[in-house]
Structures are given as C-alpha cells and as structure tokens.
Amino acid sequence: ALEAEGHSHETVTVPGALEVPAAISLAADSGRYDAYVALGVVIRGATPHFDYVCDAVTQGLTRVSLDASTPVANGVLAVEVHEDAEKRAGGSHGNKGEEAALVAIEMANLLERLA
C-alpha cells in the first residue's frame, strides 16, 4: 500500500479479477479517495477464458474511471505463467504495482489542476 502524508489508503480484497471493477465502482461512489489502484493477476494457464477476463477487467476499470471522473490505474497483470507475474511484481521486470500507484497519483494531481 502507498500512503502520502496527510492521505489515507485502504486495501480491499475481492474473490477474483472480474470483481475488481465493481468493488472500485462502489468505492468511487463514496468519493472518499482521489484515485484507485487495481492490483491482481490473471494467469492464462489458470483459466480457459483468459482473454475474456482480461478484456472485461480493462473495460470495467476504464468505465469506472470515466463514470466517476476519478483515476483508476490498472495494475492487473495478464501473464502466461506465475513466474511472469513475479518478474513484473518487483522482480526482474520492475514493479508494475508501484508504477500503477504512481500513475494514479499523477492522474489525481492532473485532474485536480484541470478541474
């Protein structure tokens, strides 16, 4: 979790990737936070409907962001195997979760300036 001085954060866990947009939508309706970060992983080998899940999550998060006029950074990894997720979540390919958090902060600041 990332917390800036004077700002709070809350972590919410959902049962699967498809539930992420709905949870963020409900949270965004509260207006409690300036931005949201979706984190998770979809592994091709773990589900036969990989492409559907990845597309639905991406479209859902985009819709929430537009409907709520609130930044929603997508840090849900779409990978072939578990090891690829490890590489992208703080391993040899960087930390995509951290990158998503920084995008959320940058977009929240931008939206505040544009408002």
PDB file of N, CA and C in Angstrom:
ATOM      1  N   ALA A   1       0.838  -1.182   0.000  1.00  0.00           N
ATOM      2  CA  ALA A   1       0.000   0.000   0.000  1.00  0.00           C
ATOM      3  C   ALA A   1       0.875   1.233   0.000  1.00  0.00           C
ATOM      4  N   LEU A   2       0.403   2.275  -0.616  1.00  0.00           N
ATOM      5  CA  LEU A   2       1.127   3.524  -0.722  1.00  0.00           C
ATOM      6  C   LEU A   2       0.349   4.591   0.016  1.00  0.00           C
ATOM      7  N   GLU A   3       1.020   5.339   0.856  1.00  0.00           N
ATOM      8  CA  GLU A   3       0.335   6.364   1.628  1.00  0.00           C
ATOM      9  C   GLU A   3       1.185   7.619   1.635  1.00  0.00           C
ATOM     10  N   ALA A   4       0.615   8.724   1.196  1.00  0.00           N
ATOM     11  CA  ALA A   4       1.303  10.007   1.226  1.00  0.00           C
ATOM     12  C   ALA A   4       0.913  10.740   2.493  1.00  0.00           C
ATOM     13  N   GLU A   5       1.768  11.658   2.928  1.00  0.00           N
ATOM     14  CA  GLU A   5       1.497  12.413   4.148  1.00  0.00           C
ATOM     15  C   GLU A   5       0.145  13.113   4.040  1.00  0.00           C
ATOM     16  N   GLY A   6      -0.671  12.912   5.044  1.00  0.00           N
ATOM     17  CA  GLY A   6      -1.986  13.543   5.061  1.00  0.00           C
ATOM     18  C   GLY A   6      -3.034  12.826   4.225  1.00  0.00           C
ATOM     19  N   HIS A   7      -2.660  11.729   3.605  1.00  0.00           N
ATOM     20  CA  HIS A   7      -3.598  10.979   2.767  1.00  0.00           C
ATOM     21  C   HIS A   7      -3.689   9.554   3.297  1.00  0.00           C
ATOM     22  N   SER A   8      -4.866   8.998   3.195  1.00  0.00           N
ATOM     23  CA  SER A   8      -5.040   7.642   3.697  1.00  0.00           C
ATOM     24  C   SER A   8      -5.229   6.674   2.539  1.00  0.00           C
ATOM     25  N   HIS A   9      -5.150   5.420   2.854  1.00  0.00           N
ATOM     26  CA  HIS A   9      -5.385   4.372   1.882  1.00  0.00           C
ATOM     27  C   HIS A   9      -6.169   3.248   2.557  1.00  0.00           C
ATOM     28  N   GLU A  10      -6.755   2.449   1.738  1.00  0.00           N
ATOM     29  CA  GLU A  10      -7.498   1.297   2.236  1.00  0.00           C
ATOM     30  C   GLU A  10      -7.293   0.174   1.239  1.00  0.00           C
ATOM     31  N   THR A  11      -7.090  -1.012   1.730  1.00  0.00           N
ATOM     32  CA  THR A  11      -6.924  -2.175   0.871  1.00  0.00           C
ATOM     33  C   THR A  11      -8.189  -3.013   0.949  1.00  0.00           C
ATOM     34  N   VAL A  12      -8.699  -3.392  -0.214  1.00  0.00           N
ATOM     35  CA  VAL A  12      -9.886  -4.236  -0.296  1.00  0.00           C
ATOM     36  C   VAL A  12      -9.521  -5.443  -1.146  1.00  0.00           C
ATOM     37  N   THR A  13      -9.885  -6.626  -0.689  1.00  0.00           N
ATOM     38  CA  THR A  13      -9.613  -7.851  -1.431  1.00  0.00           C
ATOM     39  C   THR A  13     -10.923  -8.384  -1.991  1.00  0.00           C
ATOM     40  N   VAL A  14     -10.889  -8.790  -3.250  1.00  0.00           N
ATOM     41  CA  VAL A  14     -12.071  -9.365  -3.903  1.00  0.00           C
ATOM     42  C   VAL A  14     -11.750 -10.798  -4.313  1.00  0.00           C
ATOM     43  N   PRO A  15     -12.781 -11.622  -4.585  1.00  0.00           N
ATOM     44  CA  PRO A  15     -12.534 -13.034  -4.875  1.00  0.00           C
ATOM     45  C   PRO A  15     -11.855 -13.311  -6.218  1.00  0.00           C
ATOM     46  N   GLY A  16     -11.965 -12.406  -7.165  1.00  0.00           N
ATOM     47  CA  GLY A  16     -11.370 -12.646  -8.484  1.00  0.00           C
ATOM     48  C   GLY A  16     -11.236 -11.361  -9.271  1.00  0.00           C
ATOM     49  N   ALA A  17     -10.555 -11.455 -10.394  1.00  0.00           N
ATOM     50  CA  ALA A  17     -10.284 -10.273 -11.215  1.00  0.00           C
ATOM     51  C   ALA A  17     -11.560  -9.615 -11.734  1.00  0.00           C
ATOM     52  N   LEU A  18     -12.564 -10.410 -12.085  1.00  0.00           N
ATOM     53  CA  LEU A  18     -13.799  -9.827 -12.625  1.00  0.00           C
ATOM     54  C   LEU A  18     -14.535  -8.964 -11.605  1.00  0.00           C
ATOM     55  N   GLU A  19     -14.276  -9.163 -10.338  1.00  0.00           N
ATOM     56  CA  GLU A  19     -14.950  -8.395  -9.297  1.00  0.00           C
ATOM     57  C   GLU A  19     -14.249  -7.064  -8.994  1.00  0.00           C
ATOM     58  N   VAL A  20     -13.058  -6.871  -9.507  1.00  0.00           N
ATOM     59  CA  VAL A  20     -12.297  -5.653  -9.214  1.00  0.00           C
ATOM     60  C   VAL A  20     -13.029  -4.389  -9.665  1.00  0.00           C
ATOM     61  N   PRO A  21     -13.507  -4.293 -10.912  1.00  0.00           N
ATOM     62  CA  PRO A  21     -14.191  -3.059 -11.315  1.00  0.00           C
ATOM     63  C   PRO A  21     -15.416  -2.724 -10.459  1.00  0.00           C
ATOM     64  N   ALA A  22     -16.202  -3.727 -10.079  1.00  0.00           N
ATOM     65  CA  ALA A  22     -17.391  -3.469  -9.268  1.00  0.00           C
ATOM     66  C   ALA A  22     -17.005  -2.924  -7.897  1.00  0.00           C
ATOM     67  N   ALA A  23     -15.978  -3.495  -7.293  1.00  0.00           N
ATOM     68  CA  ALA A  23     -15.536  -3.025  -5.976  1.00  0.00           C
ATOM     69  C   ALA A  23     -15.027  -1.586  -6.062  1.00  0.00           C
ATOM     70  N   ILE A  24     -14.253  -1.289  -7.095  1.00  0.00           N
ATOM     71  CA  ILE A  24     -13.745   0.078  -7.241  1.00  0.00           C
ATOM     72  C   ILE A  24     -14.881   1.036  -7.567  1.00  0.00           C
ATOM     73  N   SER A  25     -15.850   0.599  -8.332  1.00  0.00           N
ATOM     74  CA  SER A  25     -17.005   1.445  -8.635  1.00  0.00           C
ATOM     75  C   SER A  25     -17.748   1.834  -7.361  1.00  0.00           C
ATOM     76  N   LEU A  26     -17.994   0.858  -6.490  1.00  0.00           N
ATOM     77  CA  LEU A  26     -18.679   1.154  -5.222  1.00  0.00           C
ATOM     78  C   LEU A  26     -17.851   2.106  -4.367  1.00  0.00           C
ATOM     79  N   ALA A  27     -16.551   1.881  -4.323  1.00  0.00           N
ATOM     80  CA  ALA A  27     -15.679   2.766  -3.547  1.00  0.00           C
ATOM     81  C   ALA A  27     -15.671   4.169  -4.147  1.00  0.00           C
ATOM     82  N   ALA A  28     -15.632   4.263  -5.466  1.00  0.00           N
ATOM     83  CA  ALA A  28     -15.610   5.575  -6.128  1.00  0.00           C
ATOM     84  C   ALA A  28     -16.897   6.345  -5.865  1.00  0.00           C
ATOM     85  N   ASP A  29     -18.016   5.635  -5.753  1.00  0.00           N
ATOM     86  CA  ASP A  29     -19.290   6.289  -5.448  1.00  0.00           C
ATOM     87  C   ASP A  29     -19.238   7.006  -4.106  1.00  0.00           C
ATOM     88  N   SER A  30     -18.389   6.548  -3.207  1.00  0.00           N
ATOM     89  CA  SER A  30     -18.290   7.165  -1.889  1.00  0.00           C
ATOM     90  C   SER A  30     -17.566   8.508  -1.942  1.00  0.00           C
ATOM     91  N   GLY A  31     -16.722   8.695  -2.953  1.00  0.00           N
ATOM     92  CA  GLY A  31     -15.967   9.939  -3.064  1.00  0.00           C
ATOM     93  C   GLY A  31     -14.891  10.113  -2.000  1.00  0.00           C
ATOM     94  N   ARG A  32     -14.543   9.048  -1.306  1.00  0.00           N
ATOM     95  CA  ARG A  32     -13.582   9.142  -0.206  1.00  0.00           C
ATOM     96  C   ARG A  32     -12.146   9.316  -0.665  1.00  0.00           C
ATOM     97  N   TYR A  33     -11.831   8.856  -1.875  1.00  0.00           N
ATOM     98  CA  TYR A  33     -10.447   8.865  -2.332  1.00  0.00           C
ATOM     99  C   TYR A  33     -10.315   9.587  -3.664  1.00  0.00           C
ATOM    100  N   ASP A  34      -9.113  10.083  -3.902  1.00  0.00           N
ATOM    101  CA  ASP A  34      -8.834  10.833  -5.132  1.00  0.00           C
ATOM    102  C   ASP A  34      -8.463   9.927  -6.294  1.00  0.00           C
ATOM    103  N   ALA A  35      -8.097   8.699  -6.021  1.00  0.00           N
ATOM    104  CA  ALA A  35      -7.680   7.765  -7.067  1.00  0.00           C
ATOM    105  C   ALA A  35      -7.761   6.341  -6.526  1.00  0.00           C
ATOM    106  N   TYR A  36      -7.757   5.399  -7.461  1.00  0.00           N
ATOM    107  CA  TYR A  36      -7.830   3.981  -7.117  1.00  0.00           C
ATOM    108  C   TYR A  36      -6.792   3.213  -7.919  1.00  0.00           C
ATOM    109  N   VAL A  37      -6.275   2.146  -7.324  1.00  0.00           N
ATOM    110  CA  VAL A  37      -5.302   1.286  -7.987  1.00  0.00           C
ATOM    111  C   VAL A  37      -5.821  -0.141  -7.928  1.00  0.00           C
ATOM    112  N   ALA A  38      -6.007  -0.728  -9.088  1.00  0.00           N
ATOM    113  CA  ALA A  38      -6.430  -2.125  -9.176  1.00  0.00           C
ATOM    114  C   ALA A  38      -5.184  -2.987  -9.316  1.00  0.00           C
ATOM    115  N   LEU A  39      -5.014  -3.939  -8.408  1.00  0.00           N
ATOM    116  CA  LEU A  39      -3.860  -4.838  -8.454  1.00  0.00           C
ATOM    117  C   LEU A  39      -4.334  -6.278  -8.463  1.00  0.00           C
ATOM    118  N   GLY A  40      -3.697  -7.091  -9.252  1.00  0.00           N
ATOM    119  CA  GLY A  40      -4.029  -8.503  -9.306  1.00  0.00           C
ATOM    120  C   GLY A  40      -3.306  -9.156 -10.454  1.00  0.00           C
ATOM    121  N   VAL A  41      -3.672 -10.397 -10.711  1.00  0.00           N
ATOM    122  CA  VAL A  41      -3.044 -11.128 -11.814  1.00  0.00           C
ATOM    123  C   VAL A  41      -4.044 -12.113 -12.402  1.00  0.00           C
ATOM    124  N   VAL A  42      -4.000 -12.231 -13.723  1.00  0.00           N
ATOM    125  CA  VAL A  42      -4.761 -13.248 -14.441  1.00  0.00           C
ATOM    126  C   VAL A  42      -3.722 -14.086 -15.176  1.00  0.00           C
ATOM    127  N   ILE A  43      -3.715 -15.394 -14.896  1.00  0.00           N
ATOM    128  CA  ILE A  43      -2.735 -16.290 -15.491  1.00  0.00           C
ATOM    129  C   ILE A  43      -3.422 -17.152 -16.536  1.00  0.00           C
ATOM    130  N   ARG A  44      -2.892 -17.124 -17.747  1.00  0.00           N
ATOM    131  CA  ARG A  44      -3.519 -17.855 -18.849  1.00  0.00           C
ATOM    132  C   ARG A  44      -3.739 -19.325 -18.493  1.00  0.00           C
ATOM    133  N   GLY A  45      -2.772 -19.966 -17.908  1.00  0.00           N
ATOM    134  CA  GLY A  45      -2.889 -21.387 -17.595  1.00  0.00           C
ATOM    135  C   GLY A  45      -3.917 -21.694 -16.528  1.00  0.00           C
ATOM    136  N   ALA A  46      -4.318 -20.690 -15.771  1.00  0.00           N
ATOM    137  CA  ALA A  46      -5.235 -20.922 -14.662  1.00  0.00           C
ATOM    138  C   ALA A  46      -6.697 -20.778 -15.065  1.00  0.00           C
ATOM    139  N   THR A  47      -6.962 -20.243 -16.233  1.00  0.00           N
ATOM    140  CA  THR A  47      -8.360 -20.051 -16.629  1.00  0.00           C
ATOM    141  C   THR A  47      -8.505 -20.192 -18.140  1.00  0.00           C
ATOM    142  N   PRO A  48      -9.509 -20.928 -18.595  1.00  0.00           N
ATOM    143  CA  PRO A  48      -9.690 -21.093 -20.039  1.00  0.00           C
ATOM    144  C   PRO A  48     -10.254 -19.848 -20.716  1.00  0.00           C
ATOM    145  N   HIS A  49     -10.747 -18.917 -19.956  1.00  0.00           N
ATOM    146  CA  HIS A  49     -11.329 -17.714 -20.550  1.00  0.00           C
ATOM    147  C   HIS A  49     -10.474 -16.482 -20.260  1.00  0.00           C
ATOM    148  N   PHE A  50      -9.168 -16.639 -20.370  1.00  0.00           N
ATOM    149  CA  PHE A  50      -8.171 -15.622 -20.090  1.00  0.00           C
ATOM    150  C   PHE A  50      -8.456 -14.296 -20.816  1.00  0.00           C
ATOM    151  N   ASP A  51      -8.632 -14.363 -22.135  1.00  0.00           N
ATOM    152  CA  ASP A  51      -8.831 -13.133 -22.917  1.00  0.00           C
ATOM    153  C   ASP A  51     -10.095 -12.405 -22.490  1.00  0.00           C
ATOM    154  N   TYR A  52     -11.161 -13.141 -22.250  1.00  0.00           N
ATOM    155  CA  TYR A  52     -12.410 -12.534 -21.804  1.00  0.00           C
ATOM    156  C   TYR A  52     -12.223 -11.818 -20.472  1.00  0.00           C
ATOM    157  N   VAL A  53     -11.579 -12.478 -19.534  1.00  0.00           N
ATOM    158  CA  VAL A  53     -11.380 -11.890 -18.208  1.00  0.00           C
ATOM    159  C   VAL A  53     -10.533 -10.629 -18.311  1.00  0.00           C
ATOM    160  N   CYS A  54      -9.431 -10.703 -19.029  1.00  0.00           N
ATOM    161  CA  CYS A  54      -8.544  -9.536 -19.161  1.00  0.00           C
ATOM    162  C   CYS A  54      -9.265  -8.363 -19.815  1.00  0.00           C
ATOM    163  N   ASP A  55      -9.997  -8.631 -20.884  1.00  0.00           N
ATOM    164  CA  ASP A  55     -10.742  -7.562 -21.562  1.00  0.00           C
ATOM    165  C   ASP A  55     -11.822  -6.973 -20.664  1.00  0.00           C
ATOM    166  N   ALA A  56     -12.546  -7.821 -19.963  1.00  0.00           N
ATOM    167  CA  ALA A  56     -13.629  -7.352 -19.095  1.00  0.00           C
ATOM    168  C   ALA A  56     -13.089  -6.484 -17.963  1.00  0.00           C
ATOM    169  N   VAL A  57     -11.970  -6.875 -17.376  1.00  0.00           N
ATOM    170  CA  VAL A  57     -11.380  -6.082 -16.298  1.00  0.00           C
ATOM    171  C   VAL A  57     -10.934  -4.729 -16.832  1.00  0.00           C
ATOM    172  N   THR A  58     -10.235  -4.723 -17.956  1.00  0.00           N
ATOM    173  CA  THR A  58      -9.755  -3.463 -18.531  1.00  0.00           C
ATOM    174  C   THR A  58     -10.918  -2.546 -18.889  1.00  0.00           C
ATOM    175  N   GLN A  59     -11.924  -3.073 -19.554  1.00  0.00           N
ATOM    176  CA  GLN A  59     -13.084  -2.261 -19.923  1.00  0.00           C
ATOM    177  C   GLN A  59     -13.832  -1.780 -18.688  1.00  0.00           C
ATOM    178  N   GLY A  60     -13.965  -2.632 -17.694  1.00  0.00           N
ATOM    179  CA  GLY A  60     -14.661  -2.252 -16.466  1.00  0.00           C
ATOM    180  C   GLY A  60     -13.945  -1.138 -15.726  1.00  0.00           C
ATOM    181  N   LEU A  61     -12.636  -1.243 -15.605  1.00  0.00           N
ATOM    182  CA  LEU A  61     -11.873  -0.206 -14.909  1.00  0.00           C
ATOM    183  C   LEU A  61     -11.917   1.124 -15.665  1.00  0.00           C
ATOM    184  N   THR A  62     -11.859   1.053 -16.984  1.00  0.00           N
ATOM    185  CA  THR A  62     -11.960   2.270 -17.793  1.00  0.00           C
ATOM    186  C   THR A  62     -13.319   2.918 -17.600  1.00  0.00           C
ATOM    187  N   ARG A  63     -14.366   2.115 -17.614  1.00  0.00           N
ATOM    188  CA  ARG A  63     -15.727   2.644 -17.416  1.00  0.00           C
ATOM    189  C   ARG A  63     -15.870   3.306 -16.057  1.00  0.00           C
ATOM    190  N   VAL A  64     -15.356   2.664 -15.010  1.00  0.00           N
ATOM    191  CA  VAL A  64     -15.435   3.243 -13.666  1.00  0.00           C
ATOM    192  C   VAL A  64     -14.726   4.586 -13.636  1.00  0.00           C
ATOM    193  N   SER A  65     -13.546   4.645 -14.207  1.00  0.00           N
ATOM    194  CA  SER A  65     -12.779   5.884 -14.208  1.00  0.00           C
ATOM    195  C   SER A  65     -13.530   7.002 -14.910  1.00  0.00           C
ATOM    196  N   LEU A  66     -14.113   6.699 -16.056  1.00  0.00           N
ATOM    197  CA  LEU A  66     -14.845   7.715 -16.813  1.00  0.00           C
ATOM    198  C   LEU A  66     -16.150   8.106 -16.123  1.00  0.00           C
ATOM    199  N   ASP A  67     -16.893   7.118 -15.637  1.00  0.00           N
ATOM    200  CA  ASP A  67     -18.171   7.405 -14.986  1.00  0.00           C
ATOM    201  C   ASP A  67     -17.988   8.207 -13.705  1.00  0.00           C
ATOM    202  N   ALA A  68     -16.933   7.918 -12.956  1.00  0.00           N
ATOM    203  CA  ALA A  68     -16.710   8.578 -11.665  1.00  0.00           C
ATOM    204  C   ALA A  68     -15.809   9.803 -11.784  1.00  0.00           C
ATOM    205  N   SER A  69     -15.261  10.034 -12.975  1.00  0.00           N
ATOM    206  CA  SER A  69     -14.277  11.110 -13.174  1.00  0.00           C
ATOM    207  C   SER A  69     -13.183  11.034 -12.114  1.00  0.00           C
ATOM    208  N   THR A  70     -12.735   9.811 -11.869  1.00  0.00           N
ATOM    209  CA  THR A  70     -11.716   9.526 -10.865  1.00  0.00           C
ATOM    210  C   THR A  70     -10.679   8.606 -11.481  1.00  0.00           C
ATOM    211  N   PRO A  71      -9.400   8.873 -11.276  1.00  0.00           N
ATOM    212  CA  PRO A  71      -8.372   7.990 -11.832  1.00  0.00           C
ATOM    213  C   PRO A  71      -8.464   6.581 -11.265  1.00  0.00           C
ATOM    214  N   VAL A  72      -8.393   5.609 -12.158  1.00  0.00           N
ATOM    215  CA  VAL A  72      -8.328   4.206 -11.781  1.00  0.00           C
ATOM    216  C   VAL A  72      -7.155   3.613 -12.556  1.00  0.00           C
ATOM    217  N   ALA A  73      -6.073   3.327 -11.874  1.00  0.00           N
ATOM    218  CA  ALA A  73      -4.894   2.764 -12.515  1.00  0.00           C
ATOM    219  C   ALA A  73      -5.014   1.248 -12.558  1.00  0.00           C
ATOM    220  N   ASN A  74      -4.725   0.682 -13.722  1.00  0.00           N
ATOM    221  CA  ASN A  74      -4.859  -0.753 -13.914  1.00  0.00           C
ATOM    222  C   ASN A  74      -3.515  -1.436 -13.690  1.00  0.00           C
ATOM    223  N   GLY A  75      -3.392  -2.090 -12.551  1.00  0.00           N
ATOM    224  CA  GLY A  75      -2.211  -2.871 -12.229  1.00  0.00           C
ATOM    225  C   GLY A  75      -2.516  -4.350 -12.206  1.00  0.00           C
ATOM    226  N   VAL A  76      -3.556  -4.767 -12.931  1.00  0.00           N
ATOM    227  CA  VAL A  76      -3.900  -6.184 -13.019  1.00  0.00           C
ATOM    228  C   VAL A  76      -3.043  -6.788 -14.124  1.00  0.00           C
ATOM    229  N   LEU A  77      -2.155  -7.674 -13.742  1.00  0.00           N
ATOM    230  CA  LEU A  77      -1.232  -8.285 -14.691  1.00  0.00           C
ATOM    231  C   LEU A  77      -1.911  -9.402 -15.472  1.00  0.00           C
ATOM    232  N   ALA A  78      -1.624  -9.466 -16.758  1.00  0.00           N
ATOM    233  CA  ALA A  78      -2.084 -10.558 -17.615  1.00  0.00           C
ATOM    234  C   ALA A  78      -0.832 -11.305 -18.055  1.00  0.00           C
ATOM    235  N   VAL A  79      -0.658 -12.516 -17.551  1.00  0.00           N
ATOM    236  CA  VAL A  79       0.586 -13.249 -17.789  1.00  0.00           C
ATOM    237  C   VAL A  79       0.307 -14.676 -18.245  1.00  0.00           C
ATOM    238  N   GLU A  80       1.334 -15.279 -18.812  1.00  0.00           N
ATOM    239  CA  GLU A  80       1.239 -16.657 -19.274  1.00  0.00           C
ATOM    240  C   GLU A  80       1.404 -17.647 -18.127  1.00  0.00           C
ATOM    241  N   VAL A  81       2.371 -17.377 -17.249  1.00  0.00           N
ATOM    242  CA  VAL A  81       2.666 -18.281 -16.139  1.00  0.00           C
ATOM    243  C   VAL A  81       2.968 -17.472 -14.884  1.00  0.00           C
ATOM    244  N   HIS A  82       2.859 -18.122 -13.733  1.00  0.00           N
ATOM    245  CA  HIS A  82       3.069 -17.472 -12.439  1.00  0.00           C
ATOM    246  C   HIS A  82       4.408 -16.751 -12.366  1.00  0.00           C
ATOM    247  N   GLU A  83       5.450 -17.334 -12.915  1.00  0.00           N
ATOM    248  CA  GLU A  83       6.787 -16.736 -12.863  1.00  0.00           C
ATOM    249  C   GLU A  83       6.821 -15.376 -13.559  1.00  0.00           C
ATOM    250  N   ASP A  84       6.029 -15.201 -14.604  1.00  0.00           N
ATOM    251  CA  ASP A  84       5.963 -13.901 -15.286  1.00  0.00           C
ATOM    252  C   ASP A  84       5.399 -12.838 -14.359  1.00  0.00           C
ATOM    253  N   ALA A  85       4.429 -13.205 -13.554  1.00  0.00           N
ATOM    254  CA  ALA A  85       3.857 -12.260 -12.587  1.00  0.00           C
ATOM    255  C   ALA A  85       4.909 -11.850 -11.563  1.00  0.00           C
ATOM    256  N   GLU A  86       5.675 -12.802 -11.086  1.00  0.00           N
ATOM    257  CA  GLU A  86       6.729 -12.494 -10.117  1.00  0.00           C
ATOM    258  C   GLU A  86       7.754 -11.531 -10.699  1.00  0.00           C
ATOM    259  N   LYS A  87       8.094 -11.715 -11.971  1.00  0.00           N
ATOM    260  CA  LYS A  87       9.056 -10.829 -12.636  1.00  0.00           C
ATOM    261  C   LYS A  87       8.531  -9.404 -12.740  1.00  0.00           C
ATOM    262  N   ARG A  88       7.219  -9.253 -12.899  1.00  0.00           N
ATOM    263  CA  ARG A  88       6.616  -7.932 -13.097  1.00  0.00           C
ATOM    264  C   ARG A  88       6.128  -7.298 -11.801  1.00  0.00           C
ATOM    265  N   ALA A  89       6.147  -8.038 -10.718  1.00  0.00           N
ATOM    266  CA  ALA A  89       5.672  -7.520  -9.431  1.00  0.00           C
ATOM    267  C   ALA A  89       6.836  -7.386  -8.451  1.00  0.00           C
ATOM    268  N   GLY A  90       7.865  -6.692  -8.887  1.00  0.00           N
ATOM    269  CA  GLY A  90       9.015  -6.458  -8.032  1.00  0.00           C
ATOM    270  C   GLY A  90      10.223  -7.293  -8.396  1.00  0.00           C
ATOM    271  N   GLY A  91      10.136  -8.046  -9.469  1.00  0.00           N
ATOM    272  CA  GLY A  91      11.249  -8.885  -9.906  1.00  0.00           C
ATOM    273  C   GLY A  91      12.063  -8.218 -11.001  1.00  0.00           C
ATOM    274  N   SER A  92      12.554  -9.022 -11.910  1.00  0.00           N
ATOM    275  CA  SER A  92      13.483  -8.543 -12.933  1.00  0.00           C
ATOM    276  C   SER A  92      12.866  -7.567 -13.939  1.00  0.00           C
ATOM    277  N   HIS A  93      11.543  -7.529 -14.045  1.00  0.00           N
ATOM    278  CA  HIS A  93      10.883  -6.612 -14.986  1.00  0.00           C
ATOM    279  C   HIS A  93      10.241  -5.414 -14.295  1.00  0.00           C
ATOM    280  N   GLY A  94      10.709  -5.075 -13.113  1.00  0.00           N
ATOM    281  CA  GLY A  94      10.195  -3.907 -12.404  1.00  0.00           C
ATOM    282  C   GLY A  94       9.033  -4.246 -11.492  1.00  0.00           C
ATOM    283  N   ASN A  95       8.348  -3.201 -11.069  1.00  0.00           N
ATOM    284  CA  ASN A  95       7.224  -3.368 -10.157  1.00  0.00           C
ATOM    285  C   ASN A  95       6.017  -2.651 -10.753  1.00  0.00           C
ATOM    286  N   LYS A  96       5.189  -3.388 -11.444  1.00  0.00           N
ATOM    287  CA  LYS A  96       4.028  -2.803 -12.127  1.00  0.00           C
ATOM    288  C   LYS A  96       3.012  -2.248 -11.144  1.00  0.00           C
ATOM    289  N   GLY A  97       2.941  -2.796  -9.944  1.00  0.00           N
ATOM    290  CA  GLY A  97       2.038  -2.255  -8.923  1.00  0.00           C
ATOM    291  C   GLY A  97       2.466  -0.865  -8.501  1.00  0.00           C
ATOM    292  N   GLU A  98       3.751  -0.696  -8.270  1.00  0.00           N
ATOM    293  CA  GLU A  98       4.278   0.616  -7.922  1.00  0.00           C
ATOM    294  C   GLU A  98       4.042   1.605  -9.055  1.00  0.00           C
ATOM    295  N   GLU A  99       4.267   1.161 -10.285  1.00  0.00           N
ATOM    296  CA  GLU A  99       4.034   2.029 -11.443  1.00  0.00           C
ATOM    297  C   GLU A  99       2.566   2.450 -11.505  1.00  0.00           C
ATOM    298  N   ALA A 100       1.651   1.532 -11.251  1.00  0.00           N
ATOM    299  CA  ALA A 100       0.224   1.859 -11.278  1.00  0.00           C
ATOM    300  C   ALA A 100      -0.120   2.871 -10.192  1.00  0.00           C
ATOM    301  N   ALA A 101       0.464   2.717  -9.009  1.00  0.00           N
ATOM    302  CA  ALA A 101       0.215   3.664  -7.918  1.00  0.00           C
ATOM    303  C   ALA A 101       0.708   5.061  -8.288  1.00  0.00           C
ATOM    304  N   LEU A 102       1.866   5.134  -8.914  1.00  0.00           N
ATOM    305  CA  LEU A 102       2.404   6.433  -9.324  1.00  0.00           C
ATOM    306  C   LEU A 102       1.537   7.073 -10.412  1.00  0.00           C
ATOM    307  N   VAL A 103       1.014   6.267 -11.318  1.00  0.00           N
ATOM    308  CA  VAL A 103       0.097   6.777 -12.346  1.00  0.00           C
ATOM    309  C   VAL A 103      -1.161   7.334 -11.693  1.00  0.00           C
ATOM    310  N   ALA A 104      -1.706   6.623 -10.710  1.00  0.00           N
ATOM    311  CA  ALA A 104      -2.916   7.085 -10.025  1.00  0.00           C
ATOM    312  C   ALA A 104      -2.677   8.436  -9.357  1.00  0.00           C
ATOM    313  N   ILE A 105      -1.543   8.594  -8.708  1.00  0.00           N
ATOM    314  CA  ILE A 105      -1.222   9.859  -8.050  1.00  0.00           C
ATOM    315  C   ILE A 105      -1.056  10.971  -9.086  1.00  0.00           C
ATOM    316  N   GLU A 106      -0.332  10.678 -10.152  1.00  0.00           N
ATOM    317  CA  GLU A 106      -0.123  11.678 -11.201  1.00  0.00           C
ATOM    318  C   GLU A 106      -1.446  12.123 -11.821  1.00  0.00           C
ATOM    319  N   MET A 107      -2.331  11.156 -12.088  1.00  0.00           N
ATOM    320  CA  MET A 107      -3.624  11.494 -12.684  1.00  0.00           C
ATOM    321  C   MET A 107      -4.516  12.255 -11.704  1.00  0.00           C
ATOM    322  N   ALA A 108      -4.482  11.908 -10.424  1.00  0.00           N
ATOM    323  CA  ALA A 108      -5.270  12.642  -9.434  1.00  0.00           C
ATOM    324  C   ALA A 108      -4.810  14.099  -9.382  1.00  0.00           C
ATOM    325  N   ASN A 109      -3.507  14.306  -9.419  1.00  0.00           N
ATOM    326  CA  ASN A 109      -2.986  15.673  -9.427  1.00  0.00           C
ATOM    327  C   ASN A 109      -3.379  16.416 -10.692  1.00  0.00           C
ATOM    328  N   LEU A 110      -3.328  15.746 -11.834  1.00  0.00           N
ATOM    329  CA  LEU A 110      -3.717  16.357 -13.093  1.00  0.00           C
ATOM    330  C   LEU A 110      -5.200  16.728 -13.096  1.00  0.00           C
ATOM    331  N   LEU A 111      -6.054  15.824 -12.652  1.00  0.00           N
ATOM    332  CA  LEU A 111      -7.481  16.112 -12.641  1.00  0.00           C
ATOM    333  C   LEU A 111      -7.801  17.276 -11.711  1.00  0.00           C
ATOM    334  N   GLU A 112      -7.065  17.373 -10.601  1.00  0.00           N
ATOM    335  CA  GLU A 112      -7.272  18.495  -9.686  1.00  0.00           C
ATOM    336  C   GLU A 112      -6.897  19.818 -10.369  1.00  0.00           C
ATOM    337  N   ARG A 113      -5.807  19.799 -11.121  1.00  0.00           N
ATOM    338  CA  ARG A 113      -5.394  21.016 -11.839  1.00  0.00           C
ATOM    339  C   ARG A 113      -6.383  21.391 -12.935  1.00  0.00           C
ATOM    340  N   LEU A 114      -6.959  20.383 -13.608  1.00  0.00           N
ATOM    341  CA  LEU A 114      -7.869  20.650 -14.721  1.00  0.00           C
ATOM    342  C   LEU A 114      -9.267  21.055 -14.272  1.00  0.00           C
ATOM    343  N   ALA A 115      -9.617  20.712 -13.027  1.00  0.00           N
ATOM    344  CA  ALA A 115     -10.987  20.976 -12.541  1.00  0.00           C
ATOM    345  C   ALA A 115     -11.246  22.459 -12.317  1.00  0.00           C
TER     346      ALA A 115
END
